Amino acid sequence: MVKRIHVTYTLQGVAADEDREKVERVHGFHADYCPVARSIKDAIDITTELQYA
């Protein structure tokens, strides 16, 4: 049984500070609008992180 999912987003080409601010803002709420994440959130702990390449 799956209990946890951890997703790492590796972004390339995000150079400007304002782009990073937008990316981090969207990262903060994107799972709320993802149908898959919303359907399993009560049964499986989902965590995410951002990495910049």
PDB file of N, CA and C in Angstrom:
ATOM      1  N   MET A   1       0.840  -1.173   0.000  1.00  0.00           N
ATOM      2  CA  MET A   1       0.000   0.000   0.000  1.00  0.00           C
ATOM      3  C   MET A   1       0.892   1.247   0.000  1.00  0.00           C
ATOM      4  N   VAL A   2       0.561   2.194  -0.821  1.00  0.00           N
ATOM      5  CA  VAL A   2       1.302   3.453  -0.901  1.00  0.00           C
ATOM      6  C   VAL A   2       0.809   4.373   0.210  1.00  0.00           C
ATOM      7  N   LYS A   3       1.752   4.888   1.003  1.00  0.00           N
ATOM      8  CA  LYS A   3       1.394   5.785   2.092  1.00  0.00           C
ATOM      9  C   LYS A   3       1.856   7.212   1.844  1.00  0.00           C
ATOM     10  N   ARG A   4       2.958   7.347   1.098  1.00  0.00           N
ATOM     11  CA  ARG A   4       3.531   8.669   0.844  1.00  0.00           C
ATOM     12  C   ARG A   4       4.039   8.756  -0.592  1.00  0.00           C
ATOM     13  N   ILE A   5       3.928   9.947  -1.157  1.00  0.00           N
ATOM     14  CA  ILE A   5       4.502  10.248  -2.462  1.00  0.00           C
ATOM     15  C   ILE A   5       5.264  11.556  -2.324  1.00  0.00           C
ATOM     16  N   HIS A   6       6.498  11.565  -2.791  1.00  0.00           N
ATOM     17  CA  HIS A   6       7.291  12.794  -2.790  1.00  0.00           C
ATOM     18  C   HIS A   6       7.680  13.085  -4.235  1.00  0.00           C
ATOM     19  N   VAL A   7       7.376  14.295  -4.699  1.00  0.00           N
ATOM     20  CA  VAL A   7       7.656  14.708  -6.072  1.00  0.00           C
ATOM     21  C   VAL A   7       8.695  15.808  -6.034  1.00  0.00           C
ATOM     22  N   THR A   8       9.746  15.656  -6.837  1.00  0.00           N
ATOM     23  CA  THR A   8      10.772  16.688  -6.965  1.00  0.00           C
ATOM     24  C   THR A   8      10.680  17.277  -8.366  1.00  0.00           C
ATOM     25  N   TYR A   9      10.438  18.570  -8.432  1.00  0.00           N
ATOM     26  CA  TYR A   9      10.412  19.286  -9.702  1.00  0.00           C
ATOM     27  C   TYR A   9      11.792  19.906  -9.909  1.00  0.00           C
ATOM     28  N   THR A  10      12.447  19.559 -11.016  1.00  0.00           N
ATOM     29  CA  THR A  10      13.739  20.151 -11.355  1.00  0.00           C
ATOM     30  C   THR A  10      13.511  21.097 -12.524  1.00  0.00           C
ATOM     31  N   LEU A  11      13.730  22.372 -12.279  1.00  0.00           N
ATOM     32  CA  LEU A  11      13.453  23.402 -13.278  1.00  0.00           C
ATOM     33  C   LEU A  11      14.746  23.913 -13.891  1.00  0.00           C
ATOM     34  N   GLN A  12      14.723  24.068 -15.202  1.00  0.00           N
ATOM     35  CA  GLN A  12      15.850  24.636 -15.922  1.00  0.00           C
ATOM     36  C   GLN A  12      15.386  25.895 -16.624  1.00  0.00           C
ATOM     37  N   GLY A  13      16.250  26.873 -16.696  1.00  0.00           N
ATOM     38  CA  GLY A  13      15.937  28.080 -17.436  1.00  0.00           C
ATOM     39  C   GLY A  13      15.174  29.130 -16.652  1.00  0.00           C
ATOM     40  N   VAL A  14      15.033  28.979 -15.358  1.00  0.00           N
ATOM     41  CA  VAL A  14      14.380  29.997 -14.531  1.00  0.00           C
ATOM     42  C   VAL A  14      15.480  30.848 -13.935  1.00  0.00           C
ATOM     43  N   ALA A  15      15.733  31.985 -14.585  1.00  0.00           N
ATOM     44  CA  ALA A  15      16.875  32.794 -14.184  1.00  0.00           C
ATOM     45  C   ALA A  15      16.478  34.044 -13.404  1.00  0.00           C
ATOM     46  N   ALA A  16      15.472  34.736 -13.883  1.00  0.00           N
ATOM     47  CA  ALA A  16      15.094  36.004 -13.265  1.00  0.00           C
ATOM     48  C   ALA A  16      14.425  35.775 -11.915  1.00  0.00           C
ATOM     49  N   ASP A  17      14.697  36.669 -10.988  1.00  0.00           N
ATOM     50  CA  ASP A  17      14.098  36.560  -9.658  1.00  0.00           C
ATOM     51  C   ASP A  17      12.573  36.593  -9.721  1.00  0.00           C
ATOM     52  N   GLU A  18      12.017  37.422 -10.613  1.00  0.00           N
ATOM     53  CA  GLU A  18      10.558  37.493 -10.701  1.00  0.00           C
ATOM     54  C   GLU A  18       9.986  36.178 -11.223  1.00  0.00           C
ATOM     55  N   ASP A  19      10.695  35.484 -12.100  1.00  0.00           N
ATOM     56  CA  ASP A  19      10.238  34.168 -12.560  1.00  0.00           C
ATOM     57  C   ASP A  19      10.256  33.172 -11.416  1.00  0.00           C
ATOM     58  N   ARG A  20      11.283  33.202 -10.598  1.00  0.00           N
ATOM     59  CA  ARG A  20      11.360  32.296  -9.455  1.00  0.00           C
ATOM     60  C   ARG A  20      10.235  32.572  -8.469  1.00  0.00           C
ATOM     61  N   GLU A  21       9.913  33.831  -8.266  1.00  0.00           N
ATOM     62  CA  GLU A  21       8.812  34.179  -7.363  1.00  0.00           C
ATOM     63  C   GLU A  21       7.498  33.590  -7.868  1.00  0.00           C
ATOM     64  N   LYS A  22       7.255  33.690  -9.179  1.00  0.00           N
ATOM     65  CA  LYS A  22       6.036  33.130  -9.764  1.00  0.00           C
ATOM     66  C   LYS A  22       6.011  31.618  -9.622  1.00  0.00           C
ATOM     67  N   VAL A  23       7.138  30.994  -9.930  1.00  0.00           N
ATOM     68  CA  VAL A  23       7.219  29.528  -9.844  1.00  0.00           C
ATOM     69  C   VAL A  23       6.951  29.069  -8.418  1.00  0.00           C
ATOM     70  N   GLU A  24       7.553  29.715  -7.449  1.00  0.00           N
ATOM     71  CA  GLU A  24       7.382  29.315  -6.055  1.00  0.00           C
ATOM     72  C   GLU A  24       5.959  29.583  -5.565  1.00  0.00           C
ATOM     73  N   ARG A  25       5.355  30.650  -6.048  1.00  0.00           N
ATOM     74  CA  ARG A  25       3.969  30.946  -5.671  1.00  0.00           C
ATOM     75  C   ARG A  25       3.038  29.867  -6.214  1.00  0.00           C
ATOM     76  N   VAL A  26       3.197  29.522  -7.481  1.00  0.00           N
ATOM     77  CA  VAL A  26       2.352  28.490  -8.096  1.00  0.00           C
ATOM     78  C   VAL A  26       2.613  27.129  -7.450  1.00  0.00           C
ATOM     79  N   HIS A  27       3.859  26.851  -7.134  1.00  0.00           N
ATOM     80  CA  HIS A  27       4.188  25.580  -6.475  1.00  0.00           C
ATOM     81  C   HIS A  27       3.445  25.447  -5.154  1.00  0.00           C
ATOM     82  N   GLY A  28       3.208  26.564  -4.499  1.00  0.00           N
ATOM     83  CA  GLY A  28       2.526  26.538  -3.213  1.00  0.00           C
ATOM     84  C   GLY A  28       1.071  26.086  -3.271  1.00  0.00           C
ATOM     85  N   PHE A  29       0.416  26.229  -4.414  1.00  0.00           N
ATOM     86  CA  PHE A  29      -0.999  25.857  -4.483  1.00  0.00           C
ATOM     87  C   PHE A  29      -1.358  24.932  -5.646  1.00  0.00           C
ATOM     88  N   HIS A  30      -0.396  24.518  -6.451  1.00  0.00           N
ATOM     89  CA  HIS A  30      -0.735  23.735  -7.645  1.00  0.00           C
ATOM     90  C   HIS A  30      -1.439  22.418  -7.324  1.00  0.00           C
ATOM     91  N   ALA A  31      -1.087  21.761  -6.230  1.00  0.00           N
ATOM     92  CA  ALA A  31      -1.705  20.469  -5.903  1.00  0.00           C
ATOM     93  C   ALA A  31      -3.199  20.605  -5.626  1.00  0.00           C
ATOM     94  N   ASP A  32      -3.615  21.776  -5.174  1.00  0.00           N
ATOM     95  CA  ASP A  32      -5.039  22.002  -4.907  1.00  0.00           C
ATOM     96  C   ASP A  32      -5.881  21.940  -6.183  1.00  0.00           C
ATOM     97  N   TYR A  33      -5.245  22.133  -7.332  1.00  0.00           N
ATOM     98  CA  TYR A  33      -5.945  22.139  -8.610  1.00  0.00           C
ATOM     99  C   TYR A  33      -5.635  20.908  -9.463  1.00  0.00           C
ATOM    100  N   CYS A  34      -4.832  20.003  -8.946  1.00  0.00           N
ATOM    101  CA  CYS A  34      -4.486  18.780  -9.665  1.00  0.00           C
ATOM    102  C   CYS A  34      -5.519  17.708  -9.326  1.00  0.00           C
ATOM    103  N   PRO A  35      -6.240  17.197 -10.324  1.00  0.00           N
ATOM    104  CA  PRO A  35      -7.282  16.203 -10.048  1.00  0.00           C
ATOM    105  C   PRO A  35      -6.743  14.928  -9.375  1.00  0.00           C
ATOM    106  N   VAL A  36      -5.569  14.491  -9.777  1.00  0.00           N
ATOM    107  CA  VAL A  36      -5.002  13.281  -9.180  1.00  0.00           C
ATOM    108  C   VAL A  36      -4.656  13.528  -7.717  1.00  0.00           C
ATOM    109  N   ALA A  37      -3.964  14.619  -7.440  1.00  0.00           N
ATOM    110  CA  ALA A  37      -3.594  14.935  -6.058  1.00  0.00           C
ATOM    111  C   ALA A  37      -4.833  15.109  -5.189  1.00  0.00           C
ATOM    112  N   ARG A  38      -5.831  15.765  -5.723  1.00  0.00           N
ATOM    113  CA  ARG A  38      -7.053  15.980  -4.947  1.00  0.00           C
ATOM    114  C   ARG A  38      -7.775  14.673  -4.649  1.00  0.00           C
ATOM    115  N   SER A  39      -7.714  13.724  -5.566  1.00  0.00           N
ATOM    116  CA  SER A  39      -8.448  12.468  -5.365  1.00  0.00           C
ATOM    117  C   SER A  39      -7.771  11.544  -4.358  1.00  0.00           C
ATOM    118  N   ILE A  40      -6.459  11.699  -4.148  1.00  0.00           N
ATOM    119  CA  ILE A  40      -5.766  10.794  -3.222  1.00  0.00           C
ATOM    120  C   ILE A  40      -5.271  11.466  -1.949  1.00  0.00           C
ATOM    121  N   LYS A  41      -5.470  12.771  -1.817  1.00  0.00           N
ATOM    122  CA  LYS A  41      -4.869  13.510  -0.704  1.00  0.00           C
ATOM    123  C   LYS A  41      -5.313  13.031   0.678  1.00  0.00           C
ATOM    124  N   ASP A  42      -6.510  12.494   0.795  1.00  0.00           N
ATOM    125  CA  ASP A  42      -6.984  12.023   2.102  1.00  0.00           C
ATOM    126  C   ASP A  42      -6.385  10.668   2.489  1.00  0.00           C
ATOM    127  N   ALA A  43      -5.905   9.918   1.499  1.00  0.00           N
ATOM    128  CA  ALA A  43      -5.383   8.580   1.765  1.00  0.00           C
ATOM    129  C   ALA A  43      -3.859   8.503   1.705  1.00  0.00           C
ATOM    130  N   ILE A  44      -3.235   9.417   0.951  1.00  0.00           N
ATOM    131  CA  ILE A  44      -1.790   9.362   0.728  1.00  0.00           C
ATOM    132  C   ILE A  44      -1.197  10.737   0.994  1.00  0.00           C
ATOM    133  N   ASP A  45      -0.106  10.760   1.756  1.00  0.00           N
ATOM    134  CA  ASP A  45       0.585  12.007   2.042  1.00  0.00           C
ATOM    135  C   ASP A  45       1.436  12.389   0.833  1.00  0.00           C
ATOM    136  N   ILE A  46       1.181  13.570   0.266  1.00  0.00           N
ATOM    137  CA  ILE A  46       1.900  14.027  -0.924  1.00  0.00           C
ATOM    138  C   ILE A  46       2.741  15.248  -0.543  1.00  0.00           C
ATOM    139  N   THR A  47       4.034  15.160  -0.839  1.00  0.00           N
ATOM    140  CA  THR A  47       4.921  16.303  -0.618  1.00  0.00           C
ATOM    141  C   THR A  47       5.645  16.602  -1.927  1.00  0.00           C
ATOM    142  N   THR A  48       6.025  17.869  -2.085  1.00  0.00           N
ATOM    143  CA  THR A  48       6.754  18.280  -3.283  1.00  0.00           C
ATOM    144  C   THR A  48       7.890  19.206  -2.906  1.00  0.00           C
ATOM    145  N   GLU A  49       8.850  19.319  -3.805  1.00  0.00           N
ATOM    146  CA  GLU A  49       9.939  20.273  -3.624  1.00  0.00           C
ATOM    147  C   GLU A  49      10.388  20.780  -4.980  1.00  0.00           C
ATOM    148  N   LEU A  50      10.994  21.958  -4.982  1.00  0.00           N
ATOM    149  CA  LEU A  50      11.540  22.557  -6.188  1.00  0.00           C
ATOM    150  C   LEU A  50      13.055  22.509  -6.140  1.00  0.00           C
ATOM    151  N   GLN A  51      13.651  22.174  -7.280  1.00  0.00           N
ATOM    152  CA  GLN A  51      15.090  22.272  -7.448  1.00  0.00           C
ATOM    153  C   GLN A  51      15.352  23.072  -8.716  1.00  0.00           C
ATOM    154  N   TYR A  52      16.337  23.921  -8.665  1.00  0.00           N
ATOM    155  CA  TYR A  52      16.712  24.706  -9.836  1.00  0.00           C
ATOM    156  C   TYR A  52      18.020  24.179 -10.378  1.00  0.00           C
ATOM    157  N   ALA A  53      18.017  23.883 -11.686  1.00  0.00           N
ATOM    158  CA  ALA A  53      19.230  23.344 -12.312  1.00  0.00           C
ATOM    159  C   ALA A  53      20.003  24.445 -12.992  1.00  0.00           C
TER     160      ALA A  53
END
